[in-house]
Amino acid sequence: MTVYYESTILRSGAEAQDMVDGGVVILYADPIPDALEEVSVVHAPVAMPGRDVRVGDIFRIGEAEIELIAVGERADENLRTLGHIVVYLNPDDGTTLLPGAVHGRGSVSLPASGARLSLSGGGLP
C-alpha cells in the first residue's frame, strides 16, 4: 500500500479523549475554528492528499491502524480543503454515514503531540 496523505499531530482538545472513548475521532488541520478545538485532534498536513479517500484504505494514527469500510461523499473534499475528517470506529450495521465522515474497523488511543497520521491504499490516484 502506498501512503498518499501524511500529517503530524499537534495537539488534542480537552474533550477529544471523551470523543475517542466514544469511538469518534475528529481531525482538523491547524488553524481550527474555536468551536471545534475542544473536541478535535489538531494536525499539520505535510501536503495535499495524493488521491481520493477510498473504502479499503488504511488510516494510521500513532500506532493504531484502522481499515476504512465506508467513505462519505464529502470526506475527501473536507480533507483537502480543511484537513478535516471524522472517523467513526466500529459503527453498528445500519449506522448512517454522514457526508464528511468515514467509518472504520479498529481501535485508537488519543494520539500524543508529534505522532504521525497517514492514509494509505492501493491503486492509482
PDB file of N, CA and C in Angstrom:
ATOM      1  N   MET A   1       0.839  -1.182   0.000  1.00  0.00           N
ATOM      2  CA  MET A   1       0.000   0.000   0.000  1.00  0.00           C
ATOM      3  C   MET A   1       0.883   1.244   0.000  1.00  0.00           C
ATOM      4  N   THR A   2       0.432   2.233  -0.714  1.00  0.00           N
ATOM      5  CA  THR A   2       1.173   3.479  -0.846  1.00  0.00           C
ATOM      6  C   THR A   2       0.565   4.556   0.050  1.00  0.00           C
ATOM      7  N   VAL A   3       1.403   5.253   0.798  1.00  0.00           N
ATOM      8  CA  VAL A   3       0.938   6.369   1.627  1.00  0.00           C
ATOM      9  C   VAL A   3       0.622   7.540   0.707  1.00  0.00           C
ATOM     10  N   TYR A   4      -0.599   8.068   0.802  1.00  0.00           N
ATOM     11  CA  TYR A   4      -0.980   9.201  -0.043  1.00  0.00           C
ATOM     12  C   TYR A   4      -1.340  10.450   0.760  1.00  0.00           C
ATOM     13  N   TYR A   5      -1.293  10.344   2.094  1.00  0.00           N
ATOM     14  CA  TYR A   5      -1.548  11.509   2.939  1.00  0.00           C
ATOM     15  C   TYR A   5      -0.786  11.324   4.239  1.00  0.00           C
ATOM     16  N   GLU A   6      -0.069  12.362   4.651  1.00  0.00           N
ATOM     17  CA  GLU A   6       0.680  12.319   5.901  1.00  0.00           C
ATOM     18  C   GLU A   6       0.496  13.621   6.661  1.00  0.00           C
ATOM     19  N   SER A   7       0.497  13.503   7.970  1.00  0.00           N
ATOM     20  CA  SER A   7       0.333  14.661   8.818  1.00  0.00           C
ATOM     21  C   SER A   7       0.961  14.359  10.177  1.00  0.00           C
ATOM     22  N   THR A   8       1.171  15.412  10.954  1.00  0.00           N
ATOM     23  CA  THR A   8       1.720  15.283  12.301  1.00  0.00           C
ATOM     24  C   THR A   8       0.716  15.853  13.296  1.00  0.00           C
ATOM     25  N   ILE A   9       0.466  15.120  14.368  1.00  0.00           N
ATOM     26  CA  ILE A   9      -0.448  15.577  15.405  1.00  0.00           C
ATOM     27  C   ILE A   9       0.208  16.729  16.169  1.00  0.00           C
ATOM     28  N   LEU A  10      -0.539  17.823  16.308  1.00  0.00           N
ATOM     29  CA  LEU A  10      -0.044  18.992  17.043  1.00  0.00           C
ATOM     30  C   LEU A  10      -0.542  19.005  18.488  1.00  0.00           C
ATOM     31  N   ARG A  11      -1.838  18.760  18.662  1.00  0.00           N
ATOM     32  CA  ARG A  11      -2.434  18.808  19.994  1.00  0.00           C
ATOM     33  C   ARG A  11      -3.838  18.198  19.928  1.00  0.00           C
ATOM     34  N   SER A  12      -4.383  17.949  21.114  1.00  0.00           N
ATOM     35  CA  SER A  12      -5.748  17.432  21.226  1.00  0.00           C
ATOM     36  C   SER A  12      -6.536  18.315  22.169  1.00  0.00           C
ATOM     37  N   GLY A  13      -7.800  18.561  21.826  1.00  0.00           N
ATOM     38  CA  GLY A  13      -8.668  19.369  22.668  1.00  0.00           C
ATOM     39  C   GLY A  13      -8.998  18.668  23.971  1.00  0.00           C
ATOM     40  N   ALA A  14      -9.472  19.444  24.930  1.00  0.00           N
ATOM     41  CA  ALA A  14      -9.763  18.931  26.267  1.00  0.00           C
ATOM     42  C   ALA A  14     -10.809  17.811  26.259  1.00  0.00           C
ATOM     43  N   GLU A  15     -11.715  17.813  25.292  1.00  0.00           N
ATOM     44  CA  GLU A  15     -12.762  16.791  25.224  1.00  0.00           C
ATOM     45  C   GLU A  15     -12.496  15.729  24.155  1.00  0.00           C
ATOM     46  N   ALA A  16     -11.348  15.795  23.515  1.00  0.00           N
ATOM     47  CA  ALA A  16     -11.030  14.825  22.458  1.00  0.00           C
ATOM     48  C   ALA A  16     -10.947  13.404  23.001  1.00  0.00           C
ATOM     49  N   GLN A  17     -10.435  13.232  24.218  1.00  0.00           N
ATOM     50  CA  GLN A  17     -10.354  11.895  24.807  1.00  0.00           C
ATOM     51  C   GLN A  17     -11.741  11.283  24.955  1.00  0.00           C
ATOM     52  N   ASP A  18     -12.713  12.082  25.401  1.00  0.00           N
ATOM     53  CA  ASP A  18     -14.088  11.581  25.531  1.00  0.00           C
ATOM     54  C   ASP A  18     -14.636  11.140  24.179  1.00  0.00           C
ATOM     55  N   MET A  19     -14.329  11.895  23.137  1.00  0.00           N
ATOM     56  CA  MET A  19     -14.783  11.533  21.793  1.00  0.00           C
ATOM     57  C   MET A  19     -14.157  10.208  21.358  1.00  0.00           C
ATOM     58  N   VAL A  20     -12.848  10.071  21.553  1.00  0.00           N
ATOM     59  CA  VAL A  20     -12.146   8.839  21.178  1.00  0.00           C
ATOM     60  C   VAL A  20     -12.708   7.660  21.974  1.00  0.00           C
ATOM     61  N   ASP A  21     -12.928   7.862  23.269  1.00  0.00           N
ATOM     62  CA  ASP A  21     -13.507   6.796  24.100  1.00  0.00           C
ATOM     63  C   ASP A  21     -14.881   6.373  23.587  1.00  0.00           C
ATOM     64  N   GLY A  22     -15.603   7.305  22.966  1.00  0.00           N
ATOM     65  CA  GLY A  22     -16.916   7.012  22.394  1.00  0.00           C
ATOM     66  C   GLY A  22     -16.861   6.500  20.963  1.00  0.00           C
ATOM     67  N   GLY A  23     -15.645   6.297  20.430  1.00  0.00           N
ATOM     68  CA  GLY A  23     -15.499   5.737  19.091  1.00  0.00           C
ATOM     69  C   GLY A  23     -15.514   6.747  17.965  1.00  0.00           C
ATOM     70  N   VAL A  24     -15.214   8.010  18.270  1.00  0.00           N
ATOM     71  CA  VAL A  24     -15.208   9.054  17.246  1.00  0.00           C
ATOM     72  C   VAL A  24     -13.900   9.835  17.334  1.00  0.00           C
ATOM     73  N   VAL A  25     -13.218   9.953  16.197  1.00  0.00           N
ATOM     74  CA  VAL A  25     -12.002  10.759  16.121  1.00  0.00           C
ATOM     75  C   VAL A  25     -12.283  11.907  15.157  1.00  0.00           C
ATOM     76  N   ILE A  26     -12.220  13.133  15.676  1.00  0.00           N
ATOM     77  CA  ILE A  26     -12.432  14.323  14.853  1.00  0.00           C
ATOM     78  C   ILE A  26     -11.071  14.941  14.582  1.00  0.00           C
ATOM     79  N   LEU A  27     -10.686  14.970  13.317  1.00  0.00           N
ATOM     80  CA  LEU A  27      -9.396  15.530  12.916  1.00  0.00           C
ATOM     81  C   LEU A  27      -9.614  16.851  12.207  1.00  0.00           C
ATOM     82  N   TYR A  28      -8.776  17.812  12.528  1.00  0.00           N
ATOM     83  CA  TYR A  28      -8.859  19.129  11.897  1.00  0.00           C
ATOM     84  C   TYR A  28      -7.453  19.679  11.764  1.00  0.00           C
ATOM     85  N   ALA A  29      -7.144  20.217  10.588  1.00  0.00           N
ATOM     86  CA  ALA A  29      -5.838  20.848  10.389  1.00  0.00           C
ATOM     87  C   ALA A  29      -5.839  22.231  11.032  1.00  0.00           C
ATOM     88  N   ASP A  30      -4.674  22.632  11.499  1.00  0.00           N
ATOM     89  CA  ASP A  30      -4.493  23.969  12.052  1.00  0.00           C
ATOM     90  C   ASP A  30      -4.441  24.973  10.913  1.00  0.00           C
ATOM     91  N   PRO A  31      -5.102  26.115  10.956  1.00  0.00           N
ATOM     92  CA  PRO A  31      -5.882  26.650  12.066  1.00  0.00           C
ATOM     93  C   PRO A  31      -7.274  26.025  12.116  1.00  0.00           C
ATOM     94  N   ILE A  32      -7.796  25.920  13.312  1.00  0.00           N
ATOM     95  CA  ILE A  32      -9.076  25.263  13.534  1.00  0.00           C
ATOM     96  C   ILE A  32     -10.075  26.266  14.114  1.00  0.00           C
ATOM     97  N   PRO A  33     -11.350  26.185  13.729  1.00  0.00           N
ATOM     98  CA  PRO A  33     -12.355  27.062  14.334  1.00  0.00           C
ATOM     99  C   PRO A  33     -12.424  26.838  15.852  1.00  0.00           C
ATOM    100  N   ASP A  34     -12.535  27.909  16.603  1.00  0.00           N
ATOM    101  CA  ASP A  34     -12.578  27.821  18.066  1.00  0.00           C
ATOM    102  C   ASP A  34     -13.644  26.850  18.556  1.00  0.00           C
ATOM    103  N   ALA A  35     -14.788  26.832  17.897  1.00  0.00           N
ATOM    104  CA  ALA A  35     -15.905  25.989  18.327  1.00  0.00           C
ATOM    105  C   ALA A  35     -15.585  24.497  18.259  1.00  0.00           C
ATOM    106  N   LEU A  36     -14.602  24.109  17.456  1.00  0.00           N
ATOM    107  CA  LEU A  36     -14.270  22.688  17.291  1.00  0.00           C
ATOM    108  C   LEU A  36     -12.988  22.271  18.005  1.00  0.00           C
ATOM    109  N   GLU A  37     -12.245  23.225  18.514  1.00  0.00           N
ATOM    110  CA  GLU A  37     -10.944  22.940  19.141  1.00  0.00           C
ATOM    111  C   GLU A  37     -11.053  21.936  20.283  1.00  0.00           C
ATOM    112  N   GLU A  38     -12.042  22.076  21.139  1.00  0.00           N
ATOM    113  CA  GLU A  38     -12.154  21.249  22.343  1.00  0.00           C
ATOM    114  C   GLU A  38     -12.324  19.757  22.050  1.00  0.00           C
ATOM    115  N   VAL A  39     -12.983  19.415  20.944  1.00  0.00           N
ATOM    116  CA  VAL A  39     -13.296  18.010  20.657  1.00  0.00           C
ATOM    117  C   VAL A  39     -12.393  17.398  19.591  1.00  0.00           C
ATOM    118  N   SER A  40     -11.480  18.172  19.064  1.00  0.00           N
ATOM    119  CA  SER A  40     -10.702  17.730  17.901  1.00  0.00           C
ATOM    120  C   SER A  40      -9.267  17.346  18.223  1.00  0.00           C
ATOM    121  N   VAL A  41      -8.728  16.523  17.339  1.00  0.00           N
ATOM    122  CA  VAL A  41      -7.298  16.240  17.282  1.00  0.00           C
ATOM    123  C   VAL A  41      -6.770  17.125  16.159  1.00  0.00           C
ATOM    124  N   VAL A  42      -5.895  18.055  16.499  1.00  0.00           N
ATOM    125  CA  VAL A  42      -5.406  19.052  15.549  1.00  0.00           C
ATOM    126  C   VAL A  42      -4.087  18.568  14.959  1.00  0.00           C
ATOM    127  N   HIS A  43      -3.962  18.713  13.633  1.00  0.00           N
ATOM    128  CA  HIS A  43      -2.775  18.190  12.953  1.00  0.00           C
ATOM    129  C   HIS A  43      -2.261  19.161  11.908  1.00  0.00           C
ATOM    130  N   ALA A  44      -1.049  18.877  11.424  1.00  0.00           N
ATOM    131  CA  ALA A  44      -0.395  19.706  10.402  1.00  0.00           C
ATOM    132  C   ALA A  44      -0.042  18.821   9.213  1.00  0.00           C
ATOM    133  N   PRO A  45      -0.827  18.889   8.127  1.00  0.00           N
ATOM    134  CA  PRO A  45      -0.554  18.058   6.949  1.00  0.00           C
ATOM    135  C   PRO A  45       0.786  18.404   6.301  1.00  0.00           C
ATOM    136  N   VAL A  46       1.438  17.374   5.775  1.00  0.00           N
ATOM    137  CA  VAL A  46       2.684  17.559   5.032  1.00  0.00           C
ATOM    138  C   VAL A  46       2.374  18.115   3.646  1.00  0.00           C
ATOM    139  N   ALA A  47       1.313  17.590   3.017  1.00  0.00           N
ATOM    140  CA  ALA A  47       0.918  18.002   1.664  1.00  0.00           C
ATOM    141  C   ALA A  47      -0.540  17.600   1.452  1.00  0.00           C
ATOM    142  N   MET A  48      -1.091  18.037   0.332  1.00  0.00           N
ATOM    143  CA  MET A  48      -2.449  17.640  -0.039  1.00  0.00           C
ATOM    144  C   MET A  48      -2.488  16.130  -0.281  1.00  0.00           C
ATOM    145  N   PRO A  49      -3.665  15.502  -0.099  1.00  0.00           N
ATOM    146  CA  PRO A  49      -3.765  14.069  -0.388  1.00  0.00           C
ATOM    147  C   PRO A  49      -3.396  13.773  -1.838  1.00  0.00           C
ATOM    148  N   GLY A  50      -2.727  12.651  -2.051  1.00  0.00           N
ATOM    149  CA  GLY A  50      -2.307  12.257  -3.389  1.00  0.00           C
ATOM    150  C   GLY A  50      -3.413  11.646  -4.222  1.00  0.00           C
ATOM    151  N   ARG A  51      -4.531  11.308  -3.583  1.00  0.00           N
ATOM    152  CA  ARG A  51      -5.693  10.753  -4.280  1.00  0.00           C
ATOM    153  C   ARG A  51      -6.887  10.795  -3.350  1.00  0.00           C
ATOM    154  N   ASP A  52      -8.044  10.358  -3.855  1.00  0.00           N
ATOM    155  CA  ASP A  52      -9.261  10.337  -3.053  1.00  0.00           C
ATOM    156  C   ASP A  52      -9.193   9.257  -1.977  1.00  0.00           C
ATOM    157  N   VAL A  53      -9.890   9.496  -0.880  1.00  0.00           N
ATOM    158  CA  VAL A  53     -10.045   8.508   0.181  1.00  0.00           C
ATOM    159  C   VAL A  53     -11.012   7.439  -0.313  1.00  0.00           C
ATOM    160  N   ARG A  54     -10.669   6.160  -0.091  1.00  0.00           N
ATOM    161  CA  ARG A  54     -11.480   5.049  -0.607  1.00  0.00           C
ATOM    162  C   ARG A  54     -11.712   3.977   0.453  1.00  0.00           C
ATOM    163  N   VAL A  55     -12.800   3.241   0.280  1.00  0.00           N
ATOM    164  CA  VAL A  55     -13.051   2.061   1.095  1.00  0.00           C
ATOM    165  C   VAL A  55     -11.876   1.105   0.909  1.00  0.00           C
ATOM    166  N   GLY A  56     -11.423   0.506   2.003  1.00  0.00           N
ATOM    167  CA  GLY A  56     -10.292  -0.413   1.970  1.00  0.00           C
ATOM    168  C   GLY A  56      -8.968   0.252   2.310  1.00  0.00           C
ATOM    169  N   ASP A  57      -8.936   1.587   2.311  1.00  0.00           N
ATOM    170  CA  ASP A  57      -7.717   2.299   2.692  1.00  0.00           C
ATOM    171  C   ASP A  57      -7.426   2.068   4.171  1.00  0.00           C
ATOM    172  N   ILE A  58      -6.187   2.323   4.540  1.00  0.00           N
ATOM    173  CA  ILE A  58      -5.756   2.190   5.926  1.00  0.00           C
ATOM    174  C   ILE A  58      -5.460   3.573   6.490  1.00  0.00           C
ATOM    175  N   PHE A  59      -6.099   3.869   7.605  1.00  0.00           N
ATOM    176  CA  PHE A  59      -5.894   5.106   8.353  1.00  0.00           C
ATOM    177  C   PHE A  59      -5.025   4.750   9.553  1.00  0.00           C
ATOM    178  N   ARG A  60      -3.870   5.377   9.651  1.00  0.00           N
ATOM    179  CA  ARG A  60      -2.977   5.146  10.785  1.00  0.00           C
ATOM    180  C   ARG A  60      -2.865   6.428  11.596  1.00  0.00           C
ATOM    181  N   ILE A  61      -2.976   6.273  12.896  1.00  0.00           N
ATOM    182  CA  ILE A  61      -2.793   7.405  13.795  1.00  0.00           C
ATOM    183  C   ILE A  61      -2.009   6.895  14.997  1.00  0.00           C
ATOM    184  N   GLY A  62      -0.799   7.405  15.141  1.00  0.00           N
ATOM    185  CA  GLY A  62       0.098   6.850  16.146  1.00  0.00           C
ATOM    186  C   GLY A  62       0.400   5.412  15.782  1.00  0.00           C
ATOM    187  N   GLU A  63       0.197   4.505  16.713  1.00  0.00           N
ATOM    188  CA  GLU A  63       0.452   3.080  16.480  1.00  0.00           C
ATOM    189  C   GLU A  63      -0.789   2.325  15.994  1.00  0.00           C
ATOM    190  N   ALA A  64      -1.934   2.981  15.983  1.00  0.00           N
ATOM    191  CA  ALA A  64      -3.194   2.324  15.615  1.00  0.00           C
ATOM    192  C   ALA A  64      -3.377   2.277  14.103  1.00  0.00           C
ATOM    193  N   GLU A  65      -4.036   1.225  13.653  1.00  0.00           N
ATOM    194  CA  GLU A  65      -4.315   1.038  12.228  1.00  0.00           C
ATOM    195  C   GLU A  65      -5.793   0.710  12.062  1.00  0.00           C
ATOM    196  N   ILE A  66      -6.481   1.502  11.238  1.00  0.00           N
ATOM    197  CA  ILE A  66      -7.921   1.374  11.027  1.00  0.00           C
ATOM    198  C   ILE A  66      -8.185   1.117   9.548  1.00  0.00           C
ATOM    199  N   GLU A  67      -8.983   0.090   9.247  1.00  0.00           N
ATOM    200  CA  GLU A  67      -9.404  -0.154   7.861  1.00  0.00           C
ATOM    201  C   GLU A  67     -10.697   0.610   7.605  1.00  0.00           C
ATOM    202  N   LEU A  68     -10.711   1.422   6.555  1.00  0.00           N
ATOM    203  CA  LEU A  68     -11.909   2.190   6.223  1.00  0.00           C
ATOM    204  C   LEU A  68     -12.925   1.293   5.521  1.00  0.00           C
ATOM    205  N   ILE A  69     -14.157   1.301   6.038  1.00  0.00           N
ATOM    206  CA  ILE A  69     -15.203   0.439   5.486  1.00  0.00           C
ATOM    207  C   ILE A  69     -16.312   1.233   4.802  1.00  0.00           C
ATOM    208  N   ALA A  70     -16.314   2.552   4.967  1.00  0.00           N
ATOM    209  CA  ALA A  70     -17.277   3.426   4.285  1.00  0.00           C
ATOM    210  C   ALA A  70     -16.690   4.834   4.241  1.00  0.00           C
ATOM    211  N   VAL A  71     -16.956   5.540   3.141  1.00  0.00           N
ATOM    212  CA  VAL A  71     -16.434   6.899   2.951  1.00  0.00           C
ATOM    213  C   VAL A  71     -17.582   7.798   2.508  1.00  0.00           C
ATOM    214  N   GLY A  72     -17.844   8.845   3.272  1.00  0.00           N
ATOM    215  CA  GLY A  72     -18.898   9.801   2.937  1.00  0.00           C
ATOM    216  C   GLY A  72     -18.549  10.603   1.695  1.00  0.00           C
ATOM    217  N   GLU A  73     -19.590  11.101   1.030  1.00  0.00           N
ATOM    218  CA  GLU A  73     -19.410  11.792  -0.254  1.00  0.00           C
ATOM    219  C   GLU A  73     -18.609  13.090  -0.152  1.00  0.00           C
ATOM    220  N   ARG A  74     -18.506  13.684   1.030  1.00  0.00           N
ATOM    221  CA  ARG A  74     -17.746  14.935   1.180  1.00  0.00           C
ATOM    222  C   ARG A  74     -16.463  14.749   1.980  1.00  0.00           C
ATOM    223  N   ALA A  75     -16.170  13.529   2.394  1.00  0.00           N
ATOM    224  CA  ALA A  75     -14.990  13.290   3.232  1.00  0.00           C
ATOM    225  C   ALA A  75     -13.709  13.726   2.536  1.00  0.00           C
ATOM    226  N   ASP A  76     -13.582  13.394   1.267  1.00  0.00           N
ATOM    227  CA  ASP A  76     -12.364  13.748   0.537  1.00  0.00           C
ATOM    228  C   ASP A  76     -12.240  15.264   0.378  1.00  0.00           C
ATOM    229  N   GLU A  77     -13.329  15.915   0.020  1.00  0.00           N
ATOM    230  CA  GLU A  77     -13.319  17.381  -0.138  1.00  0.00           C
ATOM    231  C   GLU A  77     -12.946  18.073   1.175  1.00  0.00           C
ATOM    232  N   ASN A  78     -13.531  17.614   2.289  1.00  0.00           N
ATOM    233  CA  ASN A  78     -13.223  18.204   3.588  1.00  0.00           C
ATOM    234  C   ASN A  78     -11.761  18.002   3.970  1.00  0.00           C
ATOM    235  N   LEU A  79     -11.234  16.829   3.665  1.00  0.00           N
ATOM    236  CA  LEU A  79      -9.825  16.570   3.964  1.00  0.00           C
ATOM    237  C   LEU A  79      -8.933  17.498   3.157  1.00  0.00           C
ATOM    238  N   ARG A  80      -9.245  17.658   1.890  1.00  0.00           N
ATOM    239  CA  ARG A  80      -8.429  18.521   1.021  1.00  0.00           C
ATOM    240  C   ARG A  80      -8.515  20.004   1.396  1.00  0.00           C
ATOM    241  N   THR A  81      -9.699  20.475   1.723  1.00  0.00           N
ATOM    242  CA  THR A  81      -9.872  21.914   1.945  1.00  0.00           C
ATOM    243  C   THR A  81      -9.650  22.353   3.391  1.00  0.00           C
ATOM    244  N   LEU A  82      -9.939  21.477   4.346  1.00  0.00           N
ATOM    245  CA  LEU A  82      -9.871  21.853   5.758  1.00  0.00           C
ATOM    246  C   LEU A  82      -8.958  20.965   6.595  1.00  0.00           C
ATOM    247  N   GLY A  83      -8.466  19.888   5.989  1.00  0.00           N
ATOM    248  CA  GLY A  83      -7.732  18.911   6.789  1.00  0.00           C
ATOM    249  C   GLY A  83      -8.659  18.266   7.812  1.00  0.00           C
ATOM    250  N   HIS A  84      -9.943  18.205   7.474  1.00  0.00           N
ATOM    251  CA  HIS A  84     -10.976  17.754   8.408  1.00  0.00           C
ATOM    252  C   HIS A  84     -11.570  16.435   7.946  1.00  0.00           C
ATOM    253  N   ILE A  85     -11.615  15.503   8.882  1.00  0.00           N
ATOM    254  CA  ILE A  85     -12.283  14.235   8.623  1.00  0.00           C
ATOM    255  C   ILE A  85     -12.727  13.681   9.976  1.00  0.00           C
ATOM    256  N   VAL A  86     -13.883  13.046   9.996  1.00  0.00           N
ATOM    257  CA  VAL A  86     -14.396  12.432  11.213  1.00  0.00           C
ATOM    258  C   VAL A  86     -14.412  10.927  10.988  1.00  0.00           C
ATOM    259  N   VAL A  87     -13.748  10.202  11.884  1.00  0.00           N
ATOM    260  CA  VAL A  87     -13.659   8.748  11.782  1.00  0.00           C
ATOM    261  C   VAL A  87     -14.541   8.135  12.868  1.00  0.00           C
ATOM    262  N   TYR A  88     -15.565   7.383  12.445  1.00  0.00           N
ATOM    263  CA  TYR A  88     -16.417   6.640  13.369  1.00  0.00           C
ATOM    264  C   TYR A  88     -15.889   5.215  13.410  1.00  0.00           C
ATOM    265  N   LEU A  89     -15.524   4.767  14.598  1.00  0.00           N
ATOM    266  CA  LEU A  89     -14.911   3.454  14.759  1.00  0.00           C
ATOM    267  C   LEU A  89     -15.946   2.390  15.089  1.00  0.00           C
ATOM    268  N   ASN A  90     -15.891   1.285  14.361  1.00  0.00           N
ATOM    269  CA  ASN A  90     -16.718   0.110  14.596  1.00  0.00           C
ATOM    270  C   ASN A  90     -18.206   0.446  14.722  1.00  0.00           C
ATOM    271  N   PRO A  91     -18.758   1.162  13.736  1.00  0.00           N
ATOM    272  CA  PRO A  91     -20.179   1.518  13.820  1.00  0.00           C
ATOM    273  C   PRO A  91     -21.060   0.275  13.687  1.00  0.00           C
ATOM    274  N   ASP A  92     -22.221   0.336  14.314  1.00  0.00           N
ATOM    275  CA  ASP A  92     -23.193  -0.749  14.183  1.00  0.00           C
ATOM    276  C   ASP A  92     -23.685  -0.820  12.743  1.00  0.00           C
ATOM    277  N   ASP A  93     -24.095  -2.010  12.316  1.00  0.00           N
ATOM    278  CA  ASP A  93     -24.693  -2.154  10.988  1.00  0.00           C
ATOM    279  C   ASP A  93     -25.888  -1.216  10.885  1.00  0.00           C
ATOM    280  N   GLY A  94     -26.011  -0.556   9.755  1.00  0.00           N
ATOM    281  CA  GLY A  94     -27.116   0.354   9.532  1.00  0.00           C
ATOM    282  C   GLY A  94     -26.876   1.768  10.033  1.00  0.00           C
ATOM    283  N   THR A  95     -25.717   2.021  10.647  1.00  0.00           N
ATOM    284  CA  THR A  95     -25.401   3.376  11.106  1.00  0.00           C
ATOM    285  C   THR A  95     -25.300   4.300   9.901  1.00  0.00           C
ATOM    286  N   THR A  96     -25.966   5.436   9.971  1.00  0.00           N
ATOM    287  CA  THR A  96     -25.949   6.403   8.876  1.00  0.00           C
ATOM    288  C   THR A  96     -24.547   6.980   8.702  1.00  0.00           C
ATOM    289  N   LEU A  97     -24.090   7.002   7.468  1.00  0.00           N
ATOM    290  CA  LEU A  97     -22.795   7.593   7.136  1.00  0.00           C
ATOM    291  C   LEU A  97     -23.014   9.064   6.813  1.00  0.00           C
ATOM    292  N   LEU A  98     -22.460   9.942   7.632  1.00  0.00           N
ATOM    293  CA  LEU A  98     -22.566  11.377   7.378  1.00  0.00           C
ATOM    294  C   LEU A  98     -21.682  11.751   6.197  1.00  0.00           C
ATOM    295  N   PRO A  99     -22.043  12.775   5.434  1.00  0.00           N
ATOM    296  CA  PRO A  99     -21.310  13.107   4.208  1.00  0.00           C
ATOM    297  C   PRO A  99     -19.815  13.356   4.393  1.00  0.00           C
ATOM    298  N   GLY A 100     -19.406  13.958   5.507  1.00  0.00           N
ATOM    299  CA  GLY A 100     -17.992  14.273   5.704  1.00  0.00           C
ATOM    300  C   GLY A 100     -17.243  13.269   6.544  1.00  0.00           C
ATOM    301  N   ALA A 101     -17.840  12.119   6.778  1.00  0.00           N
ATOM    302  CA  ALA A 101     -17.258  11.137   7.690  1.00  0.00           C
ATOM    303  C   ALA A 101     -16.781   9.884   6.965  1.00  0.00           C
ATOM    304  N   VAL A 102     -16.017   9.091   7.705  1.00  0.00           N
ATOM    305  CA  VAL A 102     -15.651   7.749   7.270  1.00  0.00           C
ATOM    306  C   VAL A 102     -15.953   6.800   8.427  1.00  0.00           C
ATOM    307  N   HIS A 103     -16.225   5.553   8.086  1.00  0.00           N
ATOM    308  CA  HIS A 103     -16.383   4.501   9.083  1.00  0.00           C
ATOM    309  C   HIS A 103     -15.172   3.590   8.978  1.00  0.00           C
ATOM    310  N   GLY A 104     -14.699   3.126  10.130  1.00  0.00           N
ATOM    311  CA  GLY A 104     -13.536   2.250  10.126  1.00  0.00           C
ATOM    312  C   GLY A 104     -13.635   1.165  11.172  1.00  0.00           C
ATOM    313  N   ARG A 105     -12.847   0.104  10.960  1.00  0.00           N
ATOM    314  CA  ARG A 105     -12.757  -1.008  11.909  1.00  0.00           C
ATOM    315  C   ARG A 105     -11.413  -0.944  12.614  1.00  0.00           C
ATOM    316  N   GLY A 106     -11.470  -0.992  13.941  1.00  0.00           N
ATOM    317  CA  GLY A 106     -10.247  -0.970  14.731  1.00  0.00           C
ATOM    318  C   GLY A 106     -10.440  -0.102  15.956  1.00  0.00           C
ATOM    319  N   SER A 107      -9.356   0.142  16.661  1.00  0.00           N
ATOM    320  CA  SER A 107      -9.428   0.996  17.846  1.00  0.00           C
ATOM    321  C   SER A 107      -8.211   1.909  17.880  1.00  0.00           C
ATOM    322  N   VAL A 108      -8.383   3.046  18.523  1.00  0.00           N
ATOM    323  CA  VAL A 108      -7.295   4.012  18.647  1.00  0.00           C
ATOM    324  C   VAL A 108      -7.259   4.543  20.071  1.00  0.00           C
ATOM    325  N   SER A 109      -6.116   5.094  20.421  1.00  0.00           N
ATOM    326  CA  SER A 109      -5.947   5.862  21.648  1.00  0.00           C
ATOM    327  C   SER A 109      -5.785   7.304  21.222  1.00  0.00           C
ATOM    328  N   LEU A 110      -5.979   8.205  22.150  1.00  0.00           N
ATOM    329  CA  LEU A 110      -5.736   9.609  21.841  1.00  0.00           C
ATOM    330  C   LEU A 110      -4.254   9.768  21.523  1.00  0.00           C
ATOM    331  N   PRO A 111      -3.918  10.266  20.333  1.00  0.00           N
ATOM    332  CA  PRO A 111      -2.506  10.356  19.950  1.00  0.00           C
ATOM    333  C   PRO A 111      -1.795  11.505  20.669  1.00  0.00           C
ATOM    334  N   ALA A 112      -0.525  11.291  20.933  1.00  0.00           N
ATOM    335  CA  ALA A 112       0.307  12.321  21.556  1.00  0.00           C
ATOM    336  C   ALA A 112       0.750  13.335  20.515  1.00  0.00           C
ATOM    337  N   SER A 113       1.075  14.522  20.963  1.00  0.00           N
ATOM    338  CA  SER A 113       1.657  15.524  20.065  1.00  0.00           C
ATOM    339  C   SER A 113       2.911  14.940  19.440  1.00  0.00           C
ATOM    340  N   GLY A 114       3.062  15.149  18.139  1.00  0.00           N
ATOM    341  CA  GLY A 114       4.208  14.615  17.411  1.00  0.00           C
ATOM    342  C   GLY A 114       3.950  13.277  16.753  1.00  0.00           C
ATOM    343  N   ALA A 115       2.841  12.616  17.104  1.00  0.00           N
ATOM    344  CA  ALA A 115       2.512  11.327  16.478  1.00  0.00           C
ATOM    345  C   ALA A 115       2.212  11.545  15.000  1.00  0.00           C
ATOM    346  N   ARG A 116       2.414  10.490  14.229  1.00  0.00           N
ATOM    347  CA  ARG A 116       2.192  10.539  12.785  1.00  0.00           C
ATOM    348  C   ARG A 116       0.782  10.059  12.459  1.00  0.00           C
ATOM    349  N   LEU A 117       0.183  10.692  11.473  1.00  0.00           N
ATOM    350  CA  LEU A 117      -1.115  10.304  10.936  1.00  0.00           C
ATOM    351  C   LEU A 117      -0.900  10.048   9.451  1.00  0.00           C
ATOM    352  N   SER A 118      -1.483   8.981   8.921  1.00  0.00           N
ATOM    353  CA  SER A 118      -1.357   8.741   7.482  1.00  0.00           C
ATOM    354  C   SER A 118      -2.567   7.996   6.948  1.00  0.00           C
ATOM    355  N   LEU A 119      -2.757   8.128   5.643  1.00  0.00           N
ATOM    356  CA  LEU A 119      -3.724   7.341   4.888  1.00  0.00           C
ATOM    357  C   LEU A 119      -2.952   6.639   3.793  1.00  0.00           C
ATOM    358  N   SER A 120      -3.243   5.362   3.607  1.00  0.00           N
ATOM    359  CA  SER A 120      -2.560   4.613   2.556  1.00  0.00           C
ATOM    360  C   SER A 120      -3.539   3.675   1.882  1.00  0.00           C
ATOM    361  N   GLY A 121      -3.214   3.320   0.651  1.00  0.00           N
ATOM    362  CA  GLY A 121      -4.064   2.424  -0.108  1.00  0.00           C
ATOM    363  C   GLY A 121      -3.399   2.022  -1.400  1.00  0.00           C
ATOM    364  N   GLY A 122      -4.028   1.101  -2.090  1.00  0.00           N
ATOM    365  CA  GLY A 122      -3.512   0.654  -3.374  1.00  0.00           C
ATOM    366  C   GLY A 122      -4.130   1.437  -4.512  1.00  0.00           C
ATOM    367  N   GLY A 123      -3.701   1.138  -5.699  1.00  0.00           N
ATOM    368  CA  GLY A 123      -4.292   1.761  -6.884  1.00  0.00           C
ATOM    369  C   GLY A 123      -3.685   3.092  -7.246  1.00  0.00           C
ATOM    370  N   LEU A 124      -4.080   3.566  -8.399  1.00  0.00           N
ATOM    371  CA  LEU A 124      -3.585   4.837  -8.923  1.00  0.00           C
ATOM    372  C   LEU A 124      -4.409   5.994  -8.379  1.00  0.00           C
ATOM    373  N   PRO A 125      -3.872   7.213  -8.457  1.00  0.00           N
ATOM    374  CA  PRO A 125      -4.601   8.392  -7.963  1.00  0.00           C
ATOM    375  C   PRO A 125      -5.942   8.597  -8.611  1.00  0.00           C
TER     376      PRO A 125
END
